[in-house]
Amino acid sequence: MKTRERSAAGGGGGRQSVPAPSLGAPVGGERLPVAPRERKPALAALAVLLILIGALGATVMVMRAGDKVSAVVVTKDVPAGEKIPETSIKEVMMSDISDANLTLIRWSQRNDLTHNYQTRTSILAGSVLSQQMLIASGDAVPAGKSIVGLSLKDGQFPADLRTGVTVAAYRVGTDTTTGQSDSSGSSADSTLINGHLTVNSISSPDSLSGGDSVVNVIVDSADAGALAVAASANEVALVLVPTSSG
């Protein structure tokens, strides 16, 4: 009797009944098949194109970074009108910035530089040489003369100033109320530095970047120092000197 009761209560030795698989369900733990993803060839092609563009841009940047030229740099101050000795120059590698307004002197031209050219204006140590800083020895400054470079704003020189004309240079005071220089030459603060200068060259500022005009003048060497000091203080004004009619 007890054995039969145990059998009835345990339901087959204590094992739980397992429900029968439903119709259509996977057997043995197999997963349902997954539909294949839709391929997008256009996106794949775009990704490849972006990779190629990036690689091309990197290549161009590397090539530009390596576009260096061998230029000449001055190691010692050289006065205006002097030849640059070989002991005062050295080679420097730099990006080629030559254009219509600035032409670098290449290291391969150093022999021609030291033998056939002189400085147009005073050149400071550390300056990279360009053709605009030099003058051919055949066009050298006469004995007893010097070339001084003046950085001038509009109003500090005549608007019709041109190469070869004669000008007078005045040291002018600065109006403390307006900050403008008096270039009339008649102020009590104005002093004549030299009344007979020759304009050697004029460099106008770039129309985009602005800045001052650079006027190089030929002056008696005795007055070159005073003119240079006044120029460094931005206290120089030029006045045209009338040509003699007789």
C-alpha atoms as a PDB file:
ATOM      1  CA  MET A   1       0.000   0.000   0.000  1.00  0.00           C
ATOM      2  CA  LYS A   2       2.728   2.477   0.937  1.00  0.00           C
ATOM      3  CA  THR A   3       4.618   1.717  -2.260  1.00  0.00           C
ATOM      4  CA  ARG A   4       1.661   2.553  -4.397  1.00  0.00           C
ATOM      5  CA  GLU A   5       1.045   5.803  -2.500  1.00  0.00           C
ATOM      6  CA  ARG A   6       4.675   6.859  -3.043  1.00  0.00           C
ATOM      7  CA  SER A   7       4.453   6.166  -6.707  1.00  0.00           C
ATOM      8  CA  ALA A   8       1.302   8.172  -7.063  1.00  0.00           C
ATOM      9  CA  ALA A   9       2.673  11.157  -5.114  1.00  0.00           C
ATOM     10  CA  GLY A  10       6.183  11.275  -6.710  1.00  0.00           C
ATOM     11  CA  GLY A  11       4.984  11.236 -10.283  1.00  0.00           C
ATOM     12  CA  GLY A  12       7.625   8.912 -11.680  1.00  0.00           C
ATOM     13  CA  GLY A  13      10.501   9.010  -9.230  1.00  0.00           C
ATOM     14  CA  GLY A  14      10.423  12.734  -8.387  1.00  0.00           C
ATOM     15  CA  ARG A  15      11.179  13.951 -11.935  1.00  0.00           C
ATOM     16  CA  GLN A  16       9.337  17.002 -13.201  1.00  0.00           C
ATOM     17  CA  SER A  17       7.365  16.639 -16.365  1.00  0.00           C
ATOM     18  CA  VAL A  18       8.760  18.349 -19.465  1.00  0.00           C
ATOM     19  CA  PRO A  19       6.261  19.984 -21.777  1.00  0.00           C
ATOM     20  CA  ALA A  20       6.209  18.687 -25.265  1.00  0.00           C
ATOM     21  CA  PRO A  21       7.729  20.908 -27.918  1.00  0.00           C
ATOM     22  CA  SER A  22       5.250  23.026 -29.736  1.00  0.00           C
ATOM     23  CA  LEU A  23       4.653  22.612 -33.405  1.00  0.00           C
ATOM     24  CA  GLY A  24       7.304  24.317 -35.531  1.00  0.00           C
ATOM     25  CA  ALA A  25       9.745  25.148 -32.665  1.00  0.00           C
ATOM     26  CA  PRO A  26      13.488  24.348 -33.163  1.00  0.00           C
ATOM     27  CA  VAL A  27      14.658  21.078 -31.816  1.00  0.00           C
ATOM     28  CA  GLY A  28      17.901  20.520 -29.874  1.00  0.00           C
ATOM     29  CA  GLY A  29      18.547  24.264 -29.057  1.00  0.00           C
ATOM     30  CA  GLU A  30      18.948  25.392 -32.685  1.00  0.00           C
ATOM     31  CA  ARG A  31      18.506  29.160 -33.316  1.00  0.00           C
ATOM     32  CA  LEU A  32      16.095  30.580 -35.765  1.00  0.00           C
ATOM     33  CA  PRO A  33      17.717  31.591 -39.060  1.00  0.00           C
ATOM     34  CA  VAL A  34      18.544  35.330 -39.316  1.00  0.00           C
ATOM     35  CA  ALA A  35      17.820  37.242 -42.469  1.00  0.00           C
ATOM     36  CA  PRO A  36      21.052  38.450 -44.172  1.00  0.00           C
ATOM     37  CA  ARG A  37      21.869  42.151 -43.767  1.00  0.00           C
ATOM     38  CA  GLU A  38      21.315  44.373 -46.743  1.00  0.00           C
ATOM     39  CA  ARG A  39      24.645  45.473 -48.302  1.00  0.00           C
ATOM     40  CA  LYS A  40      25.121  49.154 -49.229  1.00  0.00           C
ATOM     41  CA  PRO A  41      27.807  49.410 -51.915  1.00  0.00           C
ATOM     42  CA  ALA A  42      27.425  53.196 -52.151  1.00  0.00           C
ATOM     43  CA  LEU A  43      28.466  53.706 -48.511  1.00  0.00           C
ATOM     44  CA  ALA A  44      31.382  51.336 -48.909  1.00  0.00           C
ATOM     45  CA  ALA A  45      32.597  53.223 -51.974  1.00  0.00           C
ATOM     46  CA  LEU A  46      32.286  56.547 -50.116  1.00  0.00           C
ATOM     47  CA  ALA A  47      34.358  55.217 -47.231  1.00  0.00           C
ATOM     48  CA  VAL A  48      37.092  54.097 -49.606  1.00  0.00           C
ATOM     49  CA  LEU A  49      37.029  57.506 -51.333  1.00  0.00           C
ATOM     50  CA  LEU A  50      37.422  59.348 -48.003  1.00  0.00           C
ATOM     51  CA  ILE A  51      40.378  57.169 -47.095  1.00  0.00           C
ATOM     52  CA  LEU A  52      42.058  57.939 -50.432  1.00  0.00           C
ATOM     53  CA  ILE A  53      41.447  61.687 -50.043  1.00  0.00           C
ATOM     54  CA  GLY A  54      42.944  61.653 -46.555  1.00  0.00           C
ATOM     55  CA  ALA A  55      46.005  59.785 -47.761  1.00  0.00           C
ATOM     56  CA  LEU A  56      46.448  62.226 -50.656  1.00  0.00           C
ATOM     57  CA  GLY A  57      46.164  65.251 -48.325  1.00  0.00           C
ATOM     58  CA  ALA A  58      48.767  63.817 -45.973  1.00  0.00           C
ATOM     59  CA  THR A  59      51.124  63.217 -48.905  1.00  0.00           C
ATOM     60  CA  VAL A  60      50.753  66.812 -50.145  1.00  0.00           C
ATOM     61  CA  MET A  61      51.455  68.199 -46.657  1.00  0.00           C
ATOM     62  CA  VAL A  62      54.593  66.117 -46.349  1.00  0.00           C
ATOM     63  CA  MET A  63      55.796  67.248 -49.782  1.00  0.00           C
ATOM     64  CA  ARG A  64      55.187  70.912 -48.958  1.00  0.00           C
ATOM     65  CA  ALA A  65      56.917  70.602 -45.615  1.00  0.00           C
ATOM     66  CA  GLY A  66      59.954  69.269 -47.451  1.00  0.00           C
ATOM     67  CA  ASP A  67      59.978  72.131 -50.019  1.00  0.00           C
ATOM     68  CA  LYS A  68      62.982  73.878 -48.486  1.00  0.00           C
ATOM     69  CA  VAL A  69      65.601  76.105 -50.079  1.00  0.00           C
ATOM     70  CA  SER A  70      69.152  76.881 -49.046  1.00  0.00           C
ATOM     71  CA  ALA A  71      69.259  80.618 -48.300  1.00  0.00           C
ATOM     72  CA  VAL A  72      71.839  83.095 -46.990  1.00  0.00           C
ATOM     73  CA  VAL A  73      71.572  84.669 -43.546  1.00  0.00           C
ATOM     74  CA  VAL A  74      73.800  87.487 -42.264  1.00  0.00           C
ATOM     75  CA  THR A  75      75.626  86.727 -39.012  1.00  0.00           C
ATOM     76  CA  LYS A  76      77.040  90.227 -38.354  1.00  0.00           C
ATOM     77  CA  ASP A  77      75.701  93.763 -38.845  1.00  0.00           C
ATOM     78  CA  VAL A  78      76.694  95.211 -42.236  1.00  0.00           C
ATOM     79  CA  PRO A  79      76.484  98.993 -42.853  1.00  0.00           C
ATOM     80  CA  ALA A  80      74.819 100.405 -45.953  1.00  0.00           C
ATOM     81  CA  GLY A  81      77.022 100.591 -49.032  1.00  0.00           C
ATOM     82  CA  GLU A  82      79.404  97.847 -47.858  1.00  0.00           C
ATOM     83  CA  LYS A  83      80.212  94.484 -49.360  1.00  0.00           C
ATOM     84  CA  ILE A  84      79.168  91.483 -47.304  1.00  0.00           C
ATOM     85  CA  PRO A  85      82.246  89.415 -46.397  1.00  0.00           C
ATOM     86  CA  GLU A  86      82.162  85.635 -46.588  1.00  0.00           C
ATOM     87  CA  THR A  87      82.842  85.490 -42.847  1.00  0.00           C
ATOM     88  CA  SER A  88      79.541  87.281 -42.152  1.00  0.00           C
ATOM     89  CA  ILE A  89      77.161  84.841 -43.815  1.00  0.00           C
ATOM     90  CA  LYS A  90      75.965  81.302 -43.223  1.00  0.00           C
ATOM     91  CA  GLU A  91      73.601  78.817 -44.821  1.00  0.00           C
ATOM     92  CA  VAL A  92      70.066  78.318 -43.530  1.00  0.00           C
ATOM     93  CA  MET A  93      67.330  75.965 -44.740  1.00  0.00           C
ATOM     94  CA  MET A  94      63.893  77.547 -44.936  1.00  0.00           C
ATOM     95  CA  SER A  95      60.623  77.450 -46.855  1.00  0.00           C
ATOM     96  CA  ASP A  96      60.760  79.144 -50.231  1.00  0.00           C
ATOM     97  CA  ILE A  97      58.882  82.440 -49.806  1.00  0.00           C
ATOM     98  CA  SER A  98      60.189  84.103 -52.950  1.00  0.00           C
ATOM     99  CA  ASP A  99      57.638  86.128 -54.895  1.00  0.00           C
ATOM    100  CA  ALA A 100      57.493  89.240 -57.028  1.00  0.00           C
ATOM    101  CA  ASN A 101      58.284  91.486 -54.049  1.00  0.00           C
ATOM    102  CA  LEU A 102      60.866  89.347 -52.252  1.00  0.00           C
ATOM    103  CA  THR A 103      63.507  87.183 -53.913  1.00  0.00           C
ATOM    104  CA  LEU A 104      65.760  85.212 -51.594  1.00  0.00           C
ATOM    105  CA  ILE A 105      69.484  84.957 -52.181  1.00  0.00           C
ATOM    106  CA  ARG A 106      70.344  81.261 -52.505  1.00  0.00           C
ATOM    107  CA  TRP A 107      73.419  79.781 -50.879  1.00  0.00           C
ATOM    108  CA  SER A 108      74.668  78.758 -54.326  1.00  0.00           C
ATOM    109  CA  GLN A 109      74.835  82.497 -55.206  1.00  0.00           C
ATOM    110  CA  ARG A 110      77.095  83.431 -52.296  1.00  0.00           C
ATOM    111  CA  ASN A 111      80.226  83.888 -54.444  1.00  0.00           C
ATOM    112  CA  ASP A 112      78.440  86.358 -56.727  1.00  0.00           C
ATOM    113  CA  LEU A 113      76.969  88.030 -53.650  1.00  0.00           C
ATOM    114  CA  THR A 114      80.256  88.708 -51.858  1.00  0.00           C
ATOM    115  CA  HIS A 115      82.133  89.892 -54.968  1.00  0.00           C
ATOM    116  CA  ASN A 116      79.612  91.835 -57.047  1.00  0.00           C
ATOM    117  CA  TYR A 117      77.064  93.312 -54.644  1.00  0.00           C
ATOM    118  CA  GLN A 118      76.881  95.781 -51.786  1.00  0.00           C
ATOM    119  CA  THR A 119      74.203  96.453 -49.201  1.00  0.00           C
ATOM    120  CA  ARG A 120      71.490  98.888 -50.224  1.00  0.00           C
ATOM    121  CA  THR A 121      70.688  99.662 -46.589  1.00  0.00           C
ATOM    122  CA  SER A 122      72.118  98.662 -43.239  1.00  0.00           C
ATOM    123  CA  ILE A 123      71.488  94.959 -42.568  1.00  0.00           C
ATOM    124  CA  LEU A 124      71.230  93.549 -39.073  1.00  0.00           C
ATOM    125  CA  ALA A 125      72.655  90.221 -37.963  1.00  0.00           C
ATOM    126  CA  GLY A 126      70.123  87.419 -38.334  1.00  0.00           C
ATOM    127  CA  SER A 127      68.526  88.863 -41.478  1.00  0.00           C
ATOM    128  CA  VAL A 128      67.808  86.521 -44.380  1.00  0.00           C
ATOM    129  CA  LEU A 129      69.159  88.169 -47.522  1.00  0.00           C
ATOM    130  CA  SER A 130      66.956  89.090 -50.449  1.00  0.00           C
ATOM    131  CA  GLN A 131      67.803  90.833 -53.714  1.00  0.00           C
ATOM    132  CA  GLN A 132      65.873  93.891 -52.553  1.00  0.00           C
ATOM    133  CA  MET A 133      68.515  94.484 -49.835  1.00  0.00           C
ATOM    134  CA  LEU A 134      71.400  94.653 -52.311  1.00  0.00           C
ATOM    135  CA  ILE A 135      72.769  96.863 -55.025  1.00  0.00           C
ATOM    136  CA  ALA A 136      75.237  95.978 -57.767  1.00  0.00           C
ATOM    137  CA  SER A 137      78.774  97.198 -57.115  1.00  0.00           C
ATOM    138  CA  GLY A 138      78.651  99.197 -60.359  1.00  0.00           C
ATOM    139  CA  ASP A 139      75.814 101.191 -58.831  1.00  0.00           C
ATOM    140  CA  ALA A 140      77.679 101.688 -55.590  1.00  0.00           C
ATOM    141  CA  VAL A 141      77.247 104.744 -53.439  1.00  0.00           C
ATOM    142  CA  PRO A 142      79.810 107.475 -54.161  1.00  0.00           C
ATOM    143  CA  ALA A 143      82.603 108.086 -51.686  1.00  0.00           C
ATOM    144  CA  GLY A 144      81.512 110.152 -48.720  1.00  0.00           C
ATOM    145  CA  LYS A 145      77.868 109.136 -49.162  1.00  0.00           C
ATOM    146  CA  SER A 146      75.673 106.607 -47.358  1.00  0.00           C
ATOM    147  CA  ILE A 147      72.252 105.106 -47.942  1.00  0.00           C
ATOM    148  CA  VAL A 148      69.730 105.339 -45.113  1.00  0.00           C
ATOM    149  CA  GLY A 149      66.381 103.574 -45.137  1.00  0.00           C
ATOM    150  CA  LEU A 150      63.369 105.514 -43.877  1.00  0.00           C
ATOM    151  CA  SER A 151      60.089 103.886 -42.864  1.00  0.00           C
ATOM    152  CA  LEU A 152      57.511 106.606 -43.527  1.00  0.00           C
ATOM    153  CA  LYS A 153      53.752 106.919 -43.188  1.00  0.00           C
ATOM    154  CA  ASP A 154      51.522 108.865 -45.549  1.00  0.00           C
ATOM    155  CA  GLY A 155      52.006 112.552 -44.813  1.00  0.00           C
ATOM    156  CA  GLN A 156      55.675 112.182 -43.949  1.00  0.00           C
ATOM    157  CA  PHE A 157      56.711 112.438 -47.592  1.00  0.00           C
ATOM    158  CA  PRO A 158      55.264 114.011 -50.748  1.00  0.00           C
ATOM    159  CA  ALA A 159      52.661 111.938 -52.572  1.00  0.00           C
ATOM    160  CA  ASP A 160      54.471 112.344 -55.907  1.00  0.00           C
ATOM    161  CA  LEU A 161      57.853 111.277 -54.543  1.00  0.00           C
ATOM    162  CA  ARG A 162      59.886 109.296 -57.069  1.00  0.00           C
ATOM    163  CA  THR A 163      63.346 107.842 -57.504  1.00  0.00           C
ATOM    164  CA  GLY A 164      66.121 110.309 -58.357  1.00  0.00           C
ATOM    165  CA  VAL A 165      64.535 113.481 -56.994  1.00  0.00           C
ATOM    166  CA  THR A 166      66.181 115.697 -54.394  1.00  0.00           C
ATOM    167  CA  VAL A 167      64.565 116.085 -50.991  1.00  0.00           C
ATOM    168  CA  ALA A 168      65.282 117.711 -47.657  1.00  0.00           C
ATOM    169  CA  ALA A 169      64.994 115.686 -44.459  1.00  0.00           C
ATOM    170  CA  TYR A 170      63.634 117.313 -41.306  1.00  0.00           C
ATOM    171  CA  ARG A 171      63.533 115.914 -37.809  1.00  0.00           C
ATOM    172  CA  VAL A 172      60.016 116.730 -36.676  1.00  0.00           C
ATOM    173  CA  GLY A 173      58.461 116.741 -33.221  1.00  0.00           C
ATOM    174  CA  THR A 174      55.345 114.728 -32.403  1.00  0.00           C
ATOM    175  CA  ASP A 175      52.164 116.480 -31.339  1.00  0.00           C
ATOM    176  CA  THR A 176      51.342 114.953 -27.965  1.00  0.00           C
ATOM    177  CA  THR A 177      47.627 115.691 -28.421  1.00  0.00           C
ATOM    178  CA  THR A 178      47.179 114.094 -31.838  1.00  0.00           C
ATOM    179  CA  GLY A 179      50.172 111.775 -32.022  1.00  0.00           C
ATOM    180  CA  GLN A 180      50.889 113.080 -35.541  1.00  0.00           C
ATOM    181  CA  SER A 181      54.214 114.388 -36.785  1.00  0.00           C
ATOM    182  CA  ASP A 182      54.446 117.907 -38.106  1.00  0.00           C
ATOM    183  CA  SER A 183      56.012 117.565 -41.571  1.00  0.00           C
ATOM    184  CA  SER A 184      55.660 121.195 -42.647  1.00  0.00           C
ATOM    185  CA  GLY A 185      59.278 121.967 -41.833  1.00  0.00           C
ATOM    186  CA  SER A 186      58.229 125.300 -40.290  1.00  0.00           C
ATOM    187  CA  SER A 187      57.474 124.159 -36.736  1.00  0.00           C
ATOM    188  CA  ALA A 188      59.700 125.275 -33.908  1.00  0.00           C
ATOM    189  CA  ASP A 189      60.171 121.578 -33.156  1.00  0.00           C
ATOM    190  CA  SER A 190      61.442 120.830 -36.678  1.00  0.00           C
ATOM    191  CA  THR A 191      65.138 120.667 -37.400  1.00  0.00           C
ATOM    192  CA  LEU A 192      66.756 120.376 -40.810  1.00  0.00           C
ATOM    193  CA  ILE A 193      68.966 117.283 -40.921  1.00  0.00           C
ATOM    194  CA  ASN A 194      70.092 117.555 -44.525  1.00  0.00           C
ATOM    195  CA  GLY A 195      68.723 119.688 -47.327  1.00  0.00           C
ATOM    196  CA  HIS A 196      70.143 117.758 -50.259  1.00  0.00           C
ATOM    197  CA  LEU A 197      69.217 114.049 -50.243  1.00  0.00           C
ATOM    198  CA  THR A 198      68.679 111.884 -53.304  1.00  0.00           C
ATOM    199  CA  VAL A 199      65.894 109.318 -53.324  1.00  0.00           C
ATOM    200  CA  ASN A 200      67.509 106.010 -54.237  1.00  0.00           C
ATOM    201  CA  SER A 201      64.468 103.697 -54.134  1.00  0.00           C
ATOM    202  CA  ILE A 202      60.875 103.533 -52.889  1.00  0.00           C
ATOM    203  CA  SER A 203      59.006 100.449 -51.706  1.00  0.00           C
ATOM    204  CA  SER A 204      55.279 100.904 -51.254  1.00  0.00           C
ATOM    205  CA  PRO A 205      53.385  98.800 -48.695  1.00  0.00           C
ATOM    206  CA  ASP A 206      51.285  95.844 -49.774  1.00  0.00           C
ATOM    207  CA  SER A 207      47.695  96.906 -50.473  1.00  0.00           C
ATOM    208  CA  LEU A 208      46.320  94.101 -48.293  1.00  0.00           C
ATOM    209  CA  SER A 209      48.673  94.050 -45.317  1.00  0.00           C
ATOM    210  CA  GLY A 210      49.212  97.823 -45.215  1.00  0.00           C
ATOM    211  CA  GLY A 211      52.222  99.232 -43.372  1.00  0.00           C
ATOM    212  CA  ASP A 212      54.713 102.019 -44.046  1.00  0.00           C
ATOM    213  CA  SER A 213      56.527 102.934 -47.227  1.00  0.00           C
ATOM    214  CA  VAL A 214      60.284 102.395 -47.220  1.00  0.00           C
ATOM    215  CA  VAL A 215      62.272 105.205 -48.825  1.00  0.00           C
ATOM    216  CA  ASN A 216      66.017 104.758 -49.244  1.00  0.00           C
ATOM    217  CA  VAL A 217      67.924 108.033 -49.576  1.00  0.00           C
ATOM    218  CA  ILE A 218      71.539 108.834 -50.375  1.00  0.00           C
ATOM    219  CA  VAL A 219      72.925 111.217 -47.767  1.00  0.00           C
ATOM    220  CA  ASP A 220      76.271 112.674 -46.787  1.00  0.00           C
ATOM    221  CA  SER A 221      77.975 110.193 -44.490  1.00  0.00           C
ATOM    222  CA  ALA A 222      78.403 112.962 -41.914  1.00  0.00           C
ATOM    223  CA  ASP A 223      74.606 113.273 -41.604  1.00  0.00           C
ATOM    224  CA  ALA A 224      73.791 109.589 -41.927  1.00  0.00           C
ATOM    225  CA  GLY A 225      73.930 108.952 -38.172  1.00  0.00           C
ATOM    226  CA  ALA A 226      71.548 111.781 -37.247  1.00  0.00           C
ATOM    227  CA  LEU A 227      69.148 110.753 -39.996  1.00  0.00           C
ATOM    228  CA  ALA A 228      69.196 107.124 -38.897  1.00  0.00           C
ATOM    229  CA  VAL A 229      68.513 108.091 -35.265  1.00  0.00           C
ATOM    230  CA  ALA A 230      65.566 110.268 -36.277  1.00  0.00           C
ATOM    231  CA  ALA A 231      64.274 107.514 -38.563  1.00  0.00           C
ATOM    232  CA  SER A 232      64.369 104.946 -35.762  1.00  0.00           C
ATOM    233  CA  ALA A 233      62.185 107.292 -33.673  1.00  0.00           C
ATOM    234  CA  ASN A 234      59.821 107.766 -36.631  1.00  0.00           C
ATOM    235  CA  GLU A 235      60.528 111.508 -36.558  1.00  0.00           C
ATOM    236  CA  VAL A 236      61.588 112.119 -40.154  1.00  0.00           C
ATOM    237  CA  ALA A 237      59.685 114.047 -42.796  1.00  0.00           C
ATOM    238  CA  LEU A 238      60.815 114.572 -46.377  1.00  0.00           C
ATOM    239  CA  VAL A 239      60.186 117.726 -48.391  1.00  0.00           C
ATOM    240  CA  LEU A 240      60.765 118.084 -52.120  1.00  0.00           C
ATOM    241  CA  VAL A 241      63.527 120.523 -53.042  1.00  0.00           C
ATOM    242  CA  PRO A 242      62.717 122.640 -56.112  1.00  0.00           C
ATOM    243  CA  THR A 243      65.130 122.201 -59.004  1.00  0.00           C
ATOM    244  CA  SER A 244      67.122 125.218 -60.074  1.00  0.00           C
ATOM    245  CA  SER A 245      65.613 127.040 -63.057  1.00  0.00           C
ATOM    246  CA  GLY A 246      68.814 128.796 -63.961  1.00  0.00           C
END
